[in-house]
């Protein structure tokens, strides 16, 4: 190989290294930004009373509570209907 070929090869490799170093900096900045965003979301979860490390369990618990509350609401509506329906029938047929 000639000296010029070696120099050219060296310059190409240095250019590739510089490009990779720039890409590395971009990736590091992106990683830091995503870590900050993740921390913000996890903090929001905690502030809302949820454990961000156990969201599947938290979701299951929330669904159970909602289902129970809906069952109670349905029972209350049924009881109200049993009281109101006969009265409405009397008014409408009376």
PDB file of N, CA and C in Angstrom:
ATOM      1  N   UNK A   1       0.845  -1.185   0.000  1.00  0.00           N
ATOM      2  CA  UNK A   1       0.000   0.000   0.000  1.00  0.00           C
ATOM      3  C   UNK A   1       0.884   1.240   0.000  1.00  0.00           C
ATOM      4  N   UNK A   2       0.399   2.194  -0.675  1.00  0.00           N
ATOM      5  CA  UNK A   2       1.112   3.468  -0.750  1.00  0.00           C
ATOM      6  C   UNK A   2       0.749   4.336   0.462  1.00  0.00           C
ATOM      7  N   UNK A   3       1.590   5.275   0.739  1.00  0.00           N
ATOM      8  CA  UNK A   3       1.353   6.192   1.854  1.00  0.00           C
ATOM      9  C   UNK A   3       0.035   6.941   1.687  1.00  0.00           C
ATOM     10  N   UNK A   4      -0.264   7.346   0.461  1.00  0.00           N
ATOM     11  CA  UNK A   4      -1.501   8.082   0.209  1.00  0.00           C
ATOM     12  C   UNK A   4      -2.717   7.211   0.512  1.00  0.00           C
ATOM     13  N   UNK A   5      -2.637   5.929   0.163  1.00  0.00           N
ATOM     14  CA  UNK A   5      -3.738   5.016   0.439  1.00  0.00           C
ATOM     15  C   UNK A   5      -3.925   4.838   1.945  1.00  0.00           C
ATOM     16  N   UNK A   6      -2.833   4.735   2.663  1.00  0.00           N
ATOM     17  CA  UNK A   6      -2.912   4.593   4.117  1.00  0.00           C
ATOM     18  C   UNK A   6      -3.492   5.846   4.757  1.00  0.00           C
ATOM     19  N   UNK A   7      -3.069   6.983   4.277  1.00  0.00           N
ATOM     20  CA  UNK A   7      -3.577   8.250   4.814  1.00  0.00           C
ATOM     21  C   UNK A   7      -5.067   8.369   4.534  1.00  0.00           C
ATOM     22  N   UNK A   8      -5.476   8.027   3.330  1.00  0.00           N
ATOM     23  CA  UNK A   8      -6.887   8.104   2.956  1.00  0.00           C
ATOM     24  C   UNK A   8      -7.715   7.141   3.826  1.00  0.00           C
ATOM     25  N   UNK A   9      -7.197   5.937   3.991  1.00  0.00           N
ATOM     26  CA  UNK A   9      -7.891   4.957   4.821  1.00  0.00           C
ATOM     27  C   UNK A   9      -8.017   5.468   6.254  1.00  0.00           C
ATOM     28  N   UNK A  10      -6.942   6.030   6.789  1.00  0.00           N
ATOM     29  CA  UNK A  10      -6.949   6.589   8.139  1.00  0.00           C
ATOM     30  C   UNK A  10      -7.999   7.698   8.249  1.00  0.00           C
ATOM     31  N   UNK A  11      -8.051   8.579   7.285  1.00  0.00           N
ATOM     32  CA  UNK A  11      -9.009   9.684   7.306  1.00  0.00           C
ATOM     33  C   UNK A  11     -10.451   9.175   7.263  1.00  0.00           C
ATOM     34  N   UNK A  12     -10.693   8.140   6.466  1.00  0.00           N
ATOM     35  CA  UNK A  12     -12.031   7.545   6.396  1.00  0.00           C
ATOM     36  C   UNK A  12     -12.415   6.949   7.746  1.00  0.00           C
ATOM     37  N   UNK A  13     -11.480   6.225   8.350  1.00  0.00           N
ATOM     38  CA  UNK A  13     -11.755   5.604   9.642  1.00  0.00           C
ATOM     39  C   UNK A  13     -11.978   6.652  10.733  1.00  0.00           C
ATOM     40  N   UNK A  14     -11.192   7.703  10.727  1.00  0.00           N
ATOM     41  CA  UNK A  14     -11.374   8.778  11.708  1.00  0.00           C
ATOM     42  C   UNK A  14     -12.727   9.448  11.504  1.00  0.00           C
ATOM     43  N   UNK A  15     -13.119   9.639  10.263  1.00  0.00           N
ATOM     44  CA  UNK A  15     -14.412  10.232   9.956  1.00  0.00           C
ATOM     45  C   UNK A  15     -15.548   9.339  10.468  1.00  0.00           C
ATOM     46  N   UNK A  16     -15.427   8.031  10.263  1.00  0.00           N
ATOM     47  CA  UNK A  16     -16.431   7.098  10.759  1.00  0.00           C
ATOM     48  C   UNK A  16     -16.494   7.128  12.286  1.00  0.00           C
ATOM     49  N   UNK A  17     -15.309   7.186  12.916  1.00  0.00           N
ATOM     50  CA  UNK A  17     -15.262   7.254  14.378  1.00  0.00           C
ATOM     51  C   UNK A  17     -15.949   8.524  14.873  1.00  0.00           C
ATOM     52  N   UNK A  18     -15.680   9.640  14.233  1.00  0.00           N
ATOM     53  CA  UNK A  18     -16.306  10.907  14.625  1.00  0.00           C
ATOM     54  C   UNK A  18     -17.823  10.842  14.467  1.00  0.00           C
ATOM     55  N   UNK A  19     -18.254  10.236  13.380  1.00  0.00           N
ATOM     56  CA  UNK A  19     -19.687  10.090  13.143  1.00  0.00           C
ATOM     57  C   UNK A  19     -20.325   9.213  14.223  1.00  0.00           C
ATOM     58  N   UNK A  20     -19.659   8.128  14.571  1.00  0.00           N
ATOM     59  CA  UNK A  20     -20.168   7.249  15.622  1.00  0.00           C
ATOM     60  C   UNK A  20     -20.186   7.957  16.978  1.00  0.00           C
ATOM     61  N   UNK A  21     -19.203   8.773  17.239  1.00  0.00           N
ATOM     62  CA  UNK A  21     -19.173   9.518  18.501  1.00  0.00           C
ATOM     63  C   UNK A  21     -20.338  10.506  18.567  1.00  0.00           C
ATOM     64  N   UNK A  22     -20.640  11.164  17.438  1.00  0.00           N
ATOM     65  CA  UNK A  22     -21.789  12.076  17.406  1.00  0.00           C
ATOM     66  C   UNK A  22     -23.079  11.299  17.636  1.00  0.00           C
ATOM     67  N   UNK A  23     -23.206  10.142  16.976  1.00  0.00           N
ATOM     68  CA  UNK A  23     -24.392   9.307  17.167  1.00  0.00           C
ATOM     69  C   UNK A  23     -24.519   8.861  18.623  1.00  0.00           C
ATOM     70  N   UNK A  24     -23.401   8.540  19.230  1.00  0.00           N
ATOM     71  CA  UNK A  24     -23.400   8.120  20.634  1.00  0.00           C
ATOM     72  C   UNK A  24     -23.919   9.244  21.516  1.00  0.00           C
ATOM     73  N   UNK A  25     -23.503  10.468  21.250  1.00  0.00           N
ATOM     74  CA  UNK A  25     -23.974  11.610  22.037  1.00  0.00           C
ATOM     75  C   UNK A  25     -25.474  11.815  21.865  1.00  0.00           C
ATOM     76  N   UNK A  26     -25.949  11.643  20.640  1.00  0.00           N
ATOM     77  CA  UNK A  26     -27.388  11.772  20.384  1.00  0.00           C
ATOM     78  C   UNK A  26     -28.148  10.695  21.159  1.00  0.00           C
ATOM     79  N   UNK A  27     -27.639   9.464  21.115  1.00  0.00           N
ATOM     80  CA  UNK A  27     -28.285   8.365  21.833  1.00  0.00           C
ATOM     81  C   UNK A  27     -28.272   8.594  23.341  1.00  0.00           C
ATOM     82  N   UNK A  28     -27.176   9.079  23.863  1.00  0.00           N
ATOM     83  CA  UNK A  28     -27.106   9.360  25.295  1.00  0.00           C
ATOM     84  C   UNK A  28     -28.107  10.443  25.694  1.00  0.00           C
ATOM     85  N   UNK A  29     -28.239  11.478  24.858  1.00  0.00           N
ATOM     86  CA  UNK A  29     -29.192  12.550  25.145  1.00  0.00           C
ATOM     87  C   UNK A  29     -30.628  12.009  25.090  1.00  0.00           C
ATOM     88  N   UNK A  30     -30.903  11.175  24.095  1.00  0.00           N
ATOM     89  CA  UNK A  30     -32.242  10.588  23.976  1.00  0.00           C
ATOM     90  C   UNK A  30     -32.547   9.690  25.167  1.00  0.00           C
ATOM     91  N   UNK A  31     -31.586   8.900  25.573  1.00  0.00           N
ATOM     92  CA  UNK A  31     -31.772   8.028  26.732  1.00  0.00           C
ATOM     93  C   UNK A  31     -32.068   8.854  27.981  1.00  0.00           C
ATOM     94  N   UNK A  32     -31.329   9.926  28.168  1.00  0.00           N
ATOM     95  CA  UNK A  32     -31.550  10.783  29.338  1.00  0.00           C
ATOM     96  C   UNK A  32     -32.948  11.403  29.295  1.00  0.00           C
ATOM     97  N   UNK A  33     -33.378  11.838  28.118  1.00  0.00           N
ATOM     98  CA  UNK A  33     -34.710  12.432  27.980  1.00  0.00           C
ATOM     99  C   UNK A  33     -35.793  11.402  28.285  1.00  0.00           C
ATOM    100  N   UNK A  34     -35.610  10.187  27.795  1.00  0.00           N
ATOM    101  CA  UNK A  34     -36.611   9.152  28.041  1.00  0.00           C
ATOM    102  C   UNK A  34     -36.640   8.728  29.506  1.00  0.00           C
ATOM    103  N   UNK A  35     -35.484   8.717  30.149  1.00  0.00           N
ATOM    104  CA  UNK A  35     -35.446   8.400  31.581  1.00  0.00           C
ATOM    105  C   UNK A  35     -36.195   9.465  32.372  1.00  0.00           C
ATOM    106  N   UNK A  36     -36.011  10.746  31.995  1.00  0.00           N
ATOM    107  CA  UNK A  36     -36.731  11.831  32.677  1.00  0.00           C
ATOM    108  C   UNK A  36     -38.239  11.680  32.465  1.00  0.00           C
ATOM    109  N   UNK A  37     -38.638  11.356  31.242  1.00  0.00           N
ATOM    110  CA  UNK A  37     -40.066  11.184  30.950  1.00  0.00           C
ATOM    111  C   UNK A  37     -40.645  10.015  31.742  1.00  0.00           C
ATOM    112  N   UNK A  38     -39.909   8.929  31.818  1.00  0.00           N
ATOM    113  CA  UNK A  38     -40.358   7.766  32.584  1.00  0.00           C
ATOM    114  C   UNK A  38     -40.505   8.121  34.056  1.00  0.00           C
ATOM    115  N   UNK A  39     -39.545   8.858  34.590  1.00  0.00           N
ATOM    116  CA  UNK A  39     -39.606   9.266  35.992  1.00  0.00           C
ATOM    117  C   UNK A  39     -40.836  10.136  36.237  1.00  0.00           C
ATOM    118  N   UNK A  40     -41.133  11.037  35.301  1.00  0.00           N
ATOM    119  CA  UNK A  40     -42.309  11.897  35.454  1.00  0.00           C
ATOM    120  C   UNK A  40     -43.586  11.069  35.487  1.00  0.00           C
ATOM    121  N   UNK A  41     -43.683  10.089  34.592  1.00  0.00           N
ATOM    122  CA  UNK A  41     -44.876   9.237  34.559  1.00  0.00           C
ATOM    123  C   UNK A  41     -44.983   8.417  35.839  1.00  0.00           C
ATOM    124  N   UNK A  42     -43.865   7.884  36.297  1.00  0.00           N
ATOM    125  CA  UNK A  42     -43.884   7.096  37.531  1.00  0.00           C
ATOM    126  C   UNK A  42     -44.271   7.979  38.717  1.00  0.00           C
ATOM    127  N   UNK A  43     -43.775   9.214  38.745  1.00  0.00           N
ATOM    128  CA  UNK A  43     -44.148  10.142  39.814  1.00  0.00           C
ATOM    129  C   UNK A  43     -45.645  10.457  39.768  1.00  0.00           C
ATOM    130  N   UNK A  44     -46.192  10.628  38.557  1.00  0.00           N
ATOM    131  CA  UNK A  44     -47.626  10.871  38.406  1.00  0.00           C
ATOM    132  C   UNK A  44     -48.426   9.698  38.954  1.00  0.00           C
ATOM    133  N   UNK A  45     -47.979   8.490  38.650  1.00  0.00           N
ATOM    134  CA  UNK A  45     -48.661   7.290  39.153  1.00  0.00           C
ATOM    135  C   UNK A  45     -48.664   7.287  40.672  1.00  0.00           C
ATOM    136  N   UNK A  46     -47.518   7.571  41.262  1.00  0.00           N
ATOM    137  CA  UNK A  46     -47.420   7.583  42.725  1.00  0.00           C
ATOM    138  C   UNK A  46     -48.330   8.654  43.326  1.00  0.00           C
ATOM    139  N   UNK A  47     -48.335   9.850  42.701  1.00  0.00           N
ATOM    140  CA  UNK A  47     -49.180  10.939  43.197  1.00  0.00           C
ATOM    141  C   UNK A  47     -50.657  10.574  43.108  1.00  0.00           C
ATOM    142  N   UNK A  48     -51.013   9.750  42.117  1.00  0.00           N
ATOM    143  CA  UNK A  48     -52.400   9.318  41.957  1.00  0.00           C
ATOM    144  C   UNK A  48     -52.739   8.145  42.871  1.00  0.00           C
ATOM    145  N   UNK A  49     -51.738   7.668  43.620  1.00  0.00           N
ATOM    146  CA  UNK A  49     -51.983   6.587  44.568  1.00  0.00           C
ATOM    147  C   UNK A  49     -51.740   5.194  44.016  1.00  0.00           C
ATOM    148  N   UNK A  50     -51.033   5.114  42.904  1.00  0.00           N
ATOM    149  CA  UNK A  50     -50.748   3.809  42.294  1.00  0.00           C
ATOM    150  C   UNK A  50     -49.260   3.485  42.393  1.00  0.00           C
ATOM    151  N   UNK A  51     -48.967   2.196  42.458  1.00  0.00           N
ATOM    152  CA  UNK A  51     -47.585   1.729  42.474  1.00  0.00           C
ATOM    153  C   UNK A  51     -47.156   1.477  41.029  1.00  0.00           C
ATOM    154  N   UNK A  52     -46.276   2.314  40.476  1.00  0.00           N
ATOM    155  CA  UNK A  52     -45.901   2.151  39.070  1.00  0.00           C
ATOM    156  C   UNK A  52     -45.127   0.861  38.781  1.00  0.00           C
ATOM    157  N   UNK A  53     -44.591   0.258  39.818  1.00  0.00           N
ATOM    158  CA  UNK A  53     -43.853  -0.991  39.618  1.00  0.00           C
ATOM    159  C   UNK A  53     -44.778  -2.201  39.603  1.00  0.00           C
ATOM    160  N   UNK A  54     -46.063  -1.967  39.877  1.00  0.00           N
ATOM    161  CA  UNK A  54     -47.006  -3.075  39.955  1.00  0.00           C
ATOM    162  C   UNK A  54     -48.351  -2.656  39.364  1.00  0.00           C
ATOM    163  N   UNK A  55     -48.316  -2.092  38.153  1.00  0.00           N
ATOM    164  CA  UNK A  55     -49.524  -1.540  37.553  1.00  0.00           C
ATOM    165  C   UNK A  55     -50.565  -2.603  37.230  1.00  0.00           C
ATOM    166  N   UNK A  56     -50.141  -3.799  36.868  1.00  0.00           N
ATOM    167  CA  UNK A  56     -51.106  -4.855  36.552  1.00  0.00           C
ATOM    168  C   UNK A  56     -51.962  -5.161  37.776  1.00  0.00           C
ATOM    169  N   UNK A  57     -51.343  -5.260  38.935  1.00  0.00           N
ATOM    170  CA  UNK A  57     -52.089  -5.516  40.167  1.00  0.00           C
ATOM    171  C   UNK A  57     -52.961  -4.324  40.536  1.00  0.00           C
ATOM    172  N   UNK A  58     -52.421  -3.128  40.346  1.00  0.00           N
ATOM    173  CA  UNK A  58     -53.187  -1.912  40.640  1.00  0.00           C
ATOM    174  C   UNK A  58     -54.424  -1.842  39.740  1.00  0.00           C
ATOM    175  N   UNK A  59     -54.275  -2.192  38.476  1.00  0.00           N
ATOM    176  CA  UNK A  59     -55.396  -2.181  37.549  1.00  0.00           C
ATOM    177  C   UNK A  59     -56.438  -3.224  37.950  1.00  0.00           C
ATOM    178  N   UNK A  60     -55.982  -4.409  38.334  1.00  0.00           N
ATOM    179  CA  UNK A  60     -56.898  -5.461  38.782  1.00  0.00           C
ATOM    180  C   UNK A  60     -57.700  -4.992  39.990  1.00  0.00           C
ATOM    181  N   UNK A  61     -57.020  -4.374  40.959  1.00  0.00           N
ATOM    182  CA  UNK A  61     -57.696  -3.877  42.156  1.00  0.00           C
ATOM    183  C   UNK A  61     -58.728  -2.803  41.799  1.00  0.00           C
ATOM    184  N   UNK A  62     -58.340  -1.896  40.914  1.00  0.00           N
ATOM    185  CA  UNK A  62     -59.256  -0.821  40.514  1.00  0.00           C
ATOM    186  C   UNK A  62     -60.488  -1.395  39.816  1.00  0.00           C
ATOM    187  N   UNK A  63     -60.299  -2.418  38.981  1.00  0.00           N
ATOM    188  CA  UNK A  63     -61.438  -3.048  38.312  1.00  0.00           C
ATOM    189  C   UNK A  63     -62.346  -3.739  39.316  1.00  0.00           C
ATOM    190  N   UNK A  64     -61.761  -4.377  40.322  1.00  0.00           N
ATOM    191  CA  UNK A  64     -62.563  -5.031  41.357  1.00  0.00           C
ATOM    192  C   UNK A  64     -63.397  -4.012  42.119  1.00  0.00           C
ATOM    193  N   UNK A  65     -62.785  -2.896  42.477  1.00  0.00           N
ATOM    194  CA  UNK A  65     -63.509  -1.843  43.198  1.00  0.00           C
ATOM    195  C   UNK A  65     -64.629  -1.289  42.326  1.00  0.00           C
ATOM    196  N   UNK A  66     -64.334  -1.032  41.061  1.00  0.00           N
ATOM    197  CA  UNK A  66     -65.349  -0.511  40.149  1.00  0.00           C
ATOM    198  C   UNK A  66     -66.500  -1.503  39.995  1.00  0.00           C
ATOM    199  N   UNK A  67     -66.170  -2.767  39.832  1.00  0.00           N
ATOM    200  CA  UNK A  67     -67.208  -3.793  39.688  1.00  0.00           C
ATOM    201  C   UNK A  67     -68.090  -3.854  40.935  1.00  0.00           C
ATOM    202  N   UNK A  68     -67.481  -3.785  42.098  1.00  0.00           N
ATOM    203  CA  UNK A  68     -68.244  -3.795  43.347  1.00  0.00           C
ATOM    204  C   UNK A  68     -69.161  -2.581  43.433  1.00  0.00           C
ATOM    205  N   UNK A  69     -68.647  -1.425  43.095  1.00  0.00           N
ATOM    206  CA  UNK A  69     -69.457  -0.207  43.143  1.00  0.00           C
ATOM    207  C   UNK A  69     -70.599  -0.262  42.127  1.00  0.00           C
ATOM    208  N   UNK A  70     -70.340  -0.830  40.958  1.00  0.00           N
ATOM    209  CA  UNK A  70     -71.406  -0.975  39.965  1.00  0.00           C
ATOM    210  C   UNK A  70     -72.469  -1.956  40.445  1.00  0.00           C
ATOM    211  N   UNK A  71     -72.055  -3.031  41.123  1.00  0.00           N
ATOM    212  CA  UNK A  71     -73.018  -3.986  41.690  1.00  0.00           C
ATOM    213  C   UNK A  71     -73.919  -3.292  42.713  1.00  0.00           C
ATOM    214  N   UNK A  72     -73.310  -2.462  43.571  1.00  0.00           N
ATOM    215  CA  UNK A  72     -74.093  -1.728  44.572  1.00  0.00           C
ATOM    216  C   UNK A  72     -75.044  -0.738  43.913  1.00  0.00           C
ATOM    217  N   UNK A  73     -74.572  -0.053  42.893  1.00  0.00           N
ATOM    218  CA  UNK A  73     -75.401   0.901  42.162  1.00  0.00           C
ATOM    219  C   UNK A  73     -76.582   0.179  41.510  1.00  0.00           C
ATOM    220  N   UNK A  74     -76.306  -0.967  40.906  1.00  0.00           N
ATOM    221  CA  UNK A  74     -77.354  -1.768  40.267  1.00  0.00           C
ATOM    222  C   UNK A  74     -78.395  -2.227  41.308  1.00  0.00           C
ATOM    223  N   UNK A  75     -77.937  -2.661  42.473  1.00  0.00           N
ATOM    224  CA  UNK A  75     -78.850  -3.094  43.532  1.00  0.00           C
ATOM    225  C   UNK A  75     -79.704  -1.931  44.013  1.00  0.00           C
ATOM    226  N   UNK A  76     -79.103  -0.753  44.157  1.00  0.00           N
ATOM    227  CA  UNK A  76     -79.860   0.430  44.567  1.00  0.00           C
ATOM    228  C   UNK A  76     -80.922   0.790  43.528  1.00  0.00           C
ATOM    229  N   UNK A  77     -80.559   0.709  42.249  1.00  0.00           N
ATOM    230  CA  UNK A  77     -81.520   1.011  41.189  1.00  0.00           C
ATOM    231  C   UNK A  77     -82.667   0.001  41.182  1.00  0.00           C
ATOM    232  N   UNK A  78     -82.339  -1.258  41.415  1.00  0.00           N
ATOM    233  CA  UNK A  78     -83.370  -2.298  41.455  1.00  0.00           C
ATOM    234  C   UNK A  78     -84.335  -2.031  42.607  1.00  0.00           C
ATOM    235  N   UNK A  79     -83.781  -1.694  43.770  1.00  0.00           N
ATOM    236  CA  UNK A  79     -84.622  -1.397  44.930  1.00  0.00           C
ATOM    237  C   UNK A  79     -85.504  -0.178  44.660  1.00  0.00           C
ATOM    238  N   UNK A  80     -84.947   0.848  44.063  1.00  0.00           N
ATOM    239  CA  UNK A  80     -85.719   2.049  43.739  1.00  0.00           C
ATOM    240  C   UNK A  80     -86.811   1.723  42.733  1.00  0.00           C
ATOM    241  N   UNK A  81     -86.483   0.904  41.746  1.00  0.00           N
ATOM    242  CA  UNK A  81     -87.463   0.517  40.734  1.00  0.00           C
ATOM    243  C   UNK A  81     -88.606  -0.272  41.357  1.00  0.00           C
ATOM    244  N   UNK A  82     -88.310  -1.152  42.311  1.00  0.00           N
ATOM    245  CA  UNK A  82     -89.340  -1.944  42.977  1.00  0.00           C
ATOM    246  C   UNK A  82     -90.288  -1.066  43.786  1.00  0.00           C
ATOM    247  N   UNK A  83     -89.806   0.055  44.249  1.00  0.00           N
ATOM    248  CA  UNK A  83     -90.647   0.990  45.001  1.00  0.00           C
ATOM    249  C   UNK A  83     -91.430   1.891  44.047  1.00  0.00           C
ATOM    250  N   UNK A  84     -90.752   2.402  43.020  1.00  0.00           N
ATOM    251  CA  UNK A  84     -91.356   3.401  42.137  1.00  0.00           C
ATOM    252  C   UNK A  84     -92.310   2.786  41.117  1.00  0.00           C
ATOM    253  N   UNK A  85     -91.990   1.623  40.585  1.00  0.00           N
ATOM    254  CA  UNK A  85     -92.799   1.028  39.514  1.00  0.00           C
ATOM    255  C   UNK A  85     -94.261   0.840  39.932  1.00  0.00           C
ATOM    256  N   UNK A  86     -94.531   0.247  41.091  1.00  0.00           N
ATOM    257  CA  UNK A  86     -95.942   0.098  41.471  1.00  0.00           C
ATOM    258  C   UNK A  86     -96.671   1.444  41.617  1.00  0.00           C
ATOM    259  N   UNK A  87     -95.964   2.428  42.128  1.00  0.00           N
ATOM    260  CA  UNK A  87     -96.562   3.756  42.263  1.00  0.00           C
ATOM    261  C   UNK A  87     -96.877   4.361  40.898  1.00  0.00           C
ATOM    262  N   UNK A  88     -95.936   4.212  39.961  1.00  0.00           N
ATOM    263  CA  UNK A  88     -96.151   4.726  38.607  1.00  0.00           C
ATOM    264  C   UNK A  88     -97.309   3.989  37.931  1.00  0.00           C
ATOM    265  N   UNK A  89     -97.366   2.680  38.154  1.00  0.00           N
ATOM    266  CA  UNK A  89     -98.473   1.896  37.583  1.00  0.00           C
ATOM    267  C   UNK A  89     -99.807   2.397  38.129  1.00  0.00           C
ATOM    268  N   UNK A  90     -99.863   2.692  39.408  1.00  0.00           N
ATOM    269  CA  UNK A  90    -101.091   3.189  40.031  1.00  0.00           C
ATOM    270  C   UNK A  90    -101.491   4.537  39.437  1.00  0.00           C
ATOM    271  N   UNK A  91    -100.493   5.410  39.237  1.00  0.00           N
ATOM    272  CA  UNK A  91    -100.784   6.735  38.665  1.00  0.00           C
ATOM    273  C   UNK A  91    -101.256   6.591  37.224  1.00  0.00           C
ATOM    274  N   UNK A  92    -100.578   5.765  36.449  1.00  0.00           N
ATOM    275  CA  UNK A  92    -100.911   5.621  35.041  1.00  0.00           C
ATOM    276  C   UNK A  92    -102.243   4.882  34.831  1.00  0.00           C
ATOM    277  N   UNK A  93    -102.619   3.992  35.721  1.00  0.00           N
ATOM    278  CA  UNK A  93    -103.840   3.220  35.574  1.00  0.00           C
ATOM    279  C   UNK A  93    -104.991   3.799  36.400  1.00  0.00           C
ATOM    280  N   UNK A  94    -104.701   4.779  37.208  1.00  0.00           N
ATOM    281  CA  UNK A  94    -105.652   5.289  38.169  1.00  0.00           C
ATOM    282  C   UNK A  94    -106.510   6.321  37.644  1.00  0.00           C
TER     283      UNK A  94
END
